[in-house]
Protein backbone atom coordinates (compact mmCIF):
# COMPACT_ATOMS: atom_id res chain seq x y z
CA MET A 1 -0.44 -0.18 -0.13
CA SER A 2 1.16 3.31 -0.86
CA LYS A 3 1.75 5.83 1.79
CA ILE A 4 -0.25 9.08 2.46
CA PRO A 5 1.58 12.00 1.25
CA VAL A 6 0.83 15.23 3.91
CA TYR A 7 2.55 18.15 3.85
CA PHE A 8 2.66 21.03 6.38
CA MET A 9 2.99 24.54 6.26
CA PRO A 10 4.28 26.71 9.41
CA GLY A 11 2.87 30.07 10.53
CA LEU A 12 3.35 33.46 9.73
CA ALA A 13 6.85 33.46 9.66
CA ALA A 14 7.63 30.63 11.65
CA SER A 15 9.78 28.01 9.98
CA PRO A 16 8.99 23.86 9.62
CA ALA A 17 10.62 23.42 13.50
CA ILE A 18 7.09 24.36 14.27
CA PHE A 19 5.61 20.65 14.16
CA GLU A 20 8.97 18.65 15.61
CA ARG A 21 6.53 17.30 18.18
CA ILE A 22 3.54 15.67 15.30
CA GLN A 23 4.14 12.56 14.66
CA LEU A 24 2.15 10.41 12.29
CA ASP A 25 2.65 6.51 11.96
CA GLU A 26 5.42 5.89 8.93
CA ALA A 27 3.74 3.20 7.87
CA VAL A 28 0.76 5.01 6.74
CA PHE A 29 2.01 8.54 6.20
CA GLU A 30 4.81 10.20 4.10
CA VAL A 31 5.39 13.72 6.21
CA PHE A 32 7.06 16.59 4.03
CA MET A 33 7.54 20.64 5.28
CA LEU A 34 6.92 23.34 3.40
CA GLU A 35 8.49 26.73 3.75
CA TRP A 36 7.80 30.33 3.32
CA GLU A 37 9.65 31.71 0.33
CA ILE A 38 9.85 35.82 -0.17
CA PRO A 39 7.25 36.95 -2.25
CA PHE A 40 7.80 39.10 -5.24
CA ALA A 41 6.55 42.46 -5.12
CA LYS A 42 3.08 42.73 -4.61
CA GLU A 43 2.40 39.25 -5.63
CA PRO A 44 -0.63 37.97 -5.16
CA LEU A 45 -1.60 35.75 -2.57
CA SER A 46 -3.03 33.13 -5.46
CA ASP A 47 -0.16 33.45 -7.35
CA TYR A 48 2.20 32.99 -4.31
CA ALA A 49 0.59 30.12 -3.50
CA LEU A 50 0.60 28.74 -6.88
CA ARG A 51 4.66 28.96 -7.27
CA ILE A 52 4.62 27.07 -3.12
CA THR A 53 2.40 23.95 -4.83
CA LYS A 54 6.02 23.17 -7.01
CA ASN A 55 7.11 22.37 -4.04
CA ILE A 56 4.37 19.42 -3.56
CA LYS A 57 5.96 16.45 -5.88
CA HIS A 58 2.68 13.95 -5.28
CA ASP A 59 -0.93 13.65 -6.59
CA ASN A 60 -3.41 14.34 -4.07
CA PRO A 61 -1.70 15.43 -0.90
CA VAL A 62 -2.84 16.05 2.14
CA LEU A 63 -1.96 19.85 3.40
CA ILE A 64 -1.89 20.81 7.12
CA GLY A 65 -2.00 24.46 7.31
CA VAL A 66 -1.48 26.31 10.90
CA SER A 67 -2.10 30.13 11.19
CA PHE A 68 -1.60 32.11 8.34
CA GLY A 69 -0.42 28.50 6.92
CA GLY A 70 -4.14 27.35 6.92
CA ILE A 71 -4.97 29.79 4.50
CA LEU A 72 -2.25 29.38 2.61
CA VAL A 73 -3.12 26.04 1.79
CA GLN A 74 -6.58 26.79 1.59
CA GLU A 75 -5.36 28.33 -1.58
CA MET A 76 -2.90 26.13 -2.47
CA SER A 77 -6.06 23.91 -3.41
CA LYS A 78 -7.37 26.05 -5.64
CA HIS A 79 -3.91 24.88 -8.04
CA ILE A 80 -3.25 21.62 -7.10
CA ALA A 81 -6.27 18.52 -6.37
CA THR A 82 -6.03 17.61 -2.66
CA ARG A 83 -6.91 14.30 -0.17
CA LYS A 84 -8.01 16.71 2.54
CA VAL A 85 -7.39 20.11 3.55
CA ILE A 86 -6.52 20.87 6.96
CA ILE A 87 -6.46 24.16 8.60
CA ILE A 88 -5.24 24.41 12.70
CA SER A 89 -5.68 27.98 14.61
CA SER A 90 -6.54 29.40 11.36
CA VAL A 91 -9.87 30.66 9.72
CA ARG A 92 -11.91 29.05 6.53
CA SER A 93 -12.93 32.84 5.32
CA ASN A 94 -12.90 36.28 6.07
CA LEU A 95 -16.35 35.89 8.28
CA ASP A 96 -14.16 34.09 10.80
CA PHE A 97 -11.96 37.48 11.37
CA PRO A 98 -12.65 39.07 15.10
CA ARG A 99 -13.56 42.66 14.58
CA ARG A 100 -9.96 44.03 15.06
CA MET A 101 -9.22 42.68 12.00
CA LYS A 102 -12.02 43.46 10.00
CA ILE A 103 -11.85 47.05 11.12
CA GLY A 104 -8.09 46.93 9.82
CA LYS A 105 -8.92 46.06 6.08
CA THR A 106 -11.70 48.91 6.09
CA THR A 107 -8.95 51.78 7.45
CA LYS A 108 -6.11 50.48 6.66
CA ALA A 109 -4.77 50.79 9.42
CA TYR A 110 -2.28 47.50 8.99
CA LYS A 111 -0.49 49.77 6.70
CA LEU A 112 0.74 51.52 9.79
CA ILE A 113 2.27 48.99 11.85
CA PRO A 114 5.78 49.64 11.77
CA MET A 115 7.30 46.33 10.42
CA LYS A 116 10.94 47.09 11.64
CA LEU A 117 9.91 47.36 14.98
CA ILE A 118 8.24 43.84 14.69
CA LEU A 119 11.63 42.14 13.00
CA ASN A 120 12.84 42.45 16.93
CA ILE A 121 12.42 38.98 18.02
CA GLU A 122 10.39 39.63 21.18
CA ASN A 123 7.74 41.54 19.03
CA LEU A 124 7.73 39.43 16.29
CA ALA A 125 6.88 36.60 18.37
CA LYS A 126 4.22 38.59 19.95
CA PHE A 127 2.92 39.18 16.58
CA SER A 128 3.34 35.71 15.07
CA PHE A 129 2.52 33.66 18.22
CA GLY A 130 0.19 35.73 20.58
CA GLU A 131 0.80 37.74 23.49
CA LYS A 132 1.55 35.41 26.48
CA ILE A 133 4.79 34.60 25.41
CA ASN A 134 6.69 36.51 27.45
CA LYS A 135 9.08 33.59 29.60
CA ARG A 136 9.70 31.66 26.23
CA ILE A 137 11.04 34.01 23.98
CA LYS A 138 14.10 31.34 23.71
CA LEU A 139 12.05 28.75 22.93
CA TYR A 140 10.44 30.74 19.18
CA GLU A 141 13.82 32.08 18.36
CA LYS A 142 13.81 28.39 17.43
CA PHE A 143 10.47 28.61 15.07
CA LEU A 144 10.70 32.48 13.88
CA ALA A 145 12.48 31.84 10.43
CA VAL A 146 11.47 35.13 8.33
CA ARG A 147 12.67 38.12 9.17
CA ASP A 148 12.27 39.77 5.84
CA LEU A 149 10.70 43.01 5.83
CA ASN A 150 8.98 42.68 2.87
CA TYR A 151 7.52 39.35 3.72
CA LEU A 152 6.61 40.91 6.62
CA GLN A 153 4.66 43.52 5.22
CA TRP A 154 3.07 41.43 2.27
CA ALA A 155 1.98 38.45 4.93
CA VAL A 156 -0.09 40.61 6.99
CA GLU A 157 -1.24 43.00 3.76
CA SER A 158 -2.32 38.82 2.24
CA VAL A 159 -4.06 38.19 5.92
CA ILE A 160 -6.31 41.03 5.98
CA CYS A 161 -7.22 41.45 2.83
CA TRP A 162 -8.47 37.92 2.06
CA ASP A 163 -10.90 38.14 -0.26
CA ARG A 164 -12.23 34.41 0.11
CA SER A 165 -15.96 34.93 1.77
CA GLU A 166 -17.72 31.45 1.10
CA VAL A 167 -16.44 28.79 3.81
CA ASP A 168 -15.23 25.81 1.87
CA GLU A 169 -16.95 23.09 3.32
CA SER A 170 -14.54 20.41 2.79
CA VAL A 171 -11.95 22.13 4.75
CA VAL A 172 -11.40 20.73 8.46
CA HIS A 173 -11.43 23.15 10.73
CA ILE A 174 -8.99 22.54 14.27
CA HIS A 175 -9.44 25.46 16.83
CA GLY A 176 -8.26 25.92 20.39
CA ASP A 177 -10.77 27.54 22.61
CA LEU A 178 -8.30 29.81 24.03
CA ASP A 179 -6.95 30.99 20.71
CA ASP A 180 -5.99 34.89 21.06
CA VAL A 181 -5.37 35.58 17.46
CA PHE A 182 -8.60 34.38 16.06
CA PRO A 183 -10.70 33.87 19.27
CA ILE A 184 -13.39 31.25 19.20
CA LYS A 185 -16.58 33.33 19.61
CA TYR A 186 -15.78 34.25 15.44
CA ILE A 187 -15.38 30.25 14.72
CA LYS A 188 -18.38 28.33 13.22
CA ASN A 189 -18.08 24.55 12.52
CA CYS A 190 -14.44 23.78 13.89
CA ILE A 191 -12.94 20.61 15.61
CA ILE A 192 -12.64 22.24 19.29
CA VAL A 193 -9.29 21.77 21.49
CA LYS A 194 -9.74 22.38 25.00
CA GLY A 195 -7.54 24.89 26.05
CA GLY A 196 -5.63 25.11 22.75
CA THR A 197 -4.22 28.13 22.46
CA HIS A 198 -3.00 29.64 18.94
CA ILE A 199 0.23 28.10 19.49
CA MET A 200 -1.34 24.76 19.83
CA ILE A 201 0.65 23.02 17.21
CA LEU A 202 3.64 23.19 19.98
CA ASN A 203 1.53 22.33 23.61
CA LYS A 204 -1.45 20.56 22.09
CA TYR A 205 0.73 17.96 19.95
CA LYS A 206 -0.23 15.21 22.14
CA TRP A 207 -3.85 15.51 21.72
CA LEU A 208 -3.01 16.36 17.67
CA ASN A 209 -0.39 13.10 17.31
CA GLU A 210 -3.87 10.65 18.54
CA ASN A 211 -6.71 12.84 16.43
CA LEU A 212 -4.70 13.39 13.61
CA PRO A 213 -4.56 10.31 11.64
CA SER A 214 -8.65 9.59 12.02
CA ILE A 215 -8.83 12.81 10.75
CA ILE A 216 -6.80 12.87 7.87
CA LEU A 217 -8.38 8.77 6.90
CA GLU A 218 -11.74 10.04 7.68
CA ASP A 219 -13.96 10.04 4.86
């Protein structure tokens, strides 16, 4: 029996190291890690997604994305056939955005974010992973891979201005009830992880290791 190819996409500015605790049965699954590439100037998210699909070497893969990576794998699935798309700590459409993000789009307030300041590791960690991490900055130095100003400006604008307003019901959404970036009260029809925060890929890995295989395999 051929193994099921599973491709993981990390969150905004993060490295594939965020998946180091995720373990899938090697007899059933073959795991691959995708990485962020620096976008071209004013590159549309759809074009960027097409470019990242060039790194996928299998037919009908499973795509799993975290946070902004969850948005990206949904865009990638427009360009290639997939067995399944799973998002973690993310959103299935811009209707799931919290009010502050919707206001940010309307007012273009995101253009005022001082990106050079965010490139400081502590600020970038807060920006990418949420607020409650001061004690763990050293840990995140390992997980934050992309510190490029152009990437960061592009990524923030790509999230805030994501134009998907209709949910793809085939996308499986796993979300923590304590997520402070995409609060659960704005999220509909997801698999809820009790106590899961925006970084539950790191600290709820036991739940994910127990449940991801059946989520991937179920029809």
